[in-house]
Amino acid sequence: MEITGIMKCVNFLCLIAVLALGTTSCSQRTESEKNAAIAKSFSYTITGKTTAPDGTQVSLVDHDNTLQQFVKTQVTNGQFVLEGELAIAGFYDIQIKGMKPYTLVLEGGGDYDLNEEHGKFTLTTSSSNAKDFMQFNAKYQQREQEEKSKSTNKSQRVRQLESQLPLMAAKNDGSYEKAVDEIQRLSTTEAFNPRTLYADFILDSTHRSSLLLPYFFKYVSLDQTNYKKFDVALQGFDVELQKHPYFKFAREKVDKVKDFYENMPVFPSITPMNVQRDTLNLNDVSKSKMLIAAFWKASNGNSKADIKMLRTKEAQLNALGVQVVYFSLDKDLDKWTKASKDLALGKQSYFLNYNDQATMENNFGIDRTPSYLWINPETLEILSLNGEDPAMPKFVTKVKEFIGKN
């Protein structure tokens, strides 16, 4: 009897184990199937309430191409319903005519209930990706507001100290020097850029199954210092979700930078002319520690302002063994000649012809100004695709640190 009882107990436990394994297997299969479905077409229904007048048009459009409209309806008794089928899960905008669009993530199997009240939107949904985006958006807006407040307080403090400087100087008690130090510290402190939150989200390992992870790659800048981190993040992204176009875009963006730095092309053999009609000869600067190639346009005010700032720092750069060569992406030769003379750029100012400009854009992605390449003068190897902004207070210090590391 005892043996029989034990056997029954063993059989019962085995049955429970089998059922448990079956349940786990089903759960895993369901999750896998759910992720795979994100790259497939799906039906959706969005119900909404709004304070917009009856008859107001409500439409669903592509977030990245607002000209692509999928479906539209009208407000009736303060309510609307948008429903249809979409080719793929992703970011879409609900546009209530006369209002700022509301962005959300649409995916299959989710419930979407949107409430609009005088321009303020509240979404109730069962979609995990849509919830991810709402939480991120709230965090972003909060941090953005905090930084605006800090910036305002800092500006007010600087103005207050500056107004008190004459009185402090008269006292001769050391308060003047302390105030100047504080003004300098406040003026050189870099504010937190909320866009950094996109990178933080991508690099946080808890988001490997979030569709936001590859999409946010459009907001991050990749360079030699960080591309490996983002490469690792993509490698850990859910395998099924890698079928989605967002992932393919992110993968291509990282691979392009990765290939560039791991198979680094050198600065090309180009022969632009300077203001004295001499052609470029980089052998003249081959003994320098680093070469900064500065790309600018006489027709771009911001570009000219940055180049003017870089010009004032050339003496400090030369003391570090750094040479600067200026390349214009202008189309108008006369405008460049005048602007180059106005900025006193000298014989190190060159005008790129059409082919040279095409080479810079194709090889290094330089199609806007100002842009800076940092180059090894001896080998012409590109050390950095995104050289520091010369308008920043710590520019020369960062150049010195970079030379030390490279």
Foldseek 3Di string as FASTA:
>chain_A
DVVVVVVVVVVVVVVVVVVVVVVVVVVVVVVLVQLLQQQAKAKAKEKEFEPDDWFWKKWKAAPVDRVRTDDIDTQDPRIDMDIDMDGHWAWIWIDGPPADTDIFTDGHPKYWYWYYYPRDIDIDMPDPQRVVVVVLVVVLVVLVVVLVVVVVVLVVLLVVLVVCLVVVVVVPPCVNVVSVVSNVVSVQDDTDDSLVVLVVLLLPLVCLAHPSNLQSLVSDDDKPVPLVSNVVSLVSRDPSNCSHVSNVVSVVVSVVRVCCVVVPDFDDDDWFFFLVRHTDDLVVLLPFLKEKEWEAELPDPVQLVQVLLVVVCQVVCVVNRYYYAYEYPDPDPVSQSVSCVVSVVPRSYGYDDPVRQVCCCVNQVPDDPGAIWMANSNVRTTPISGQDRSVRPCNSVVVNVSSVVD
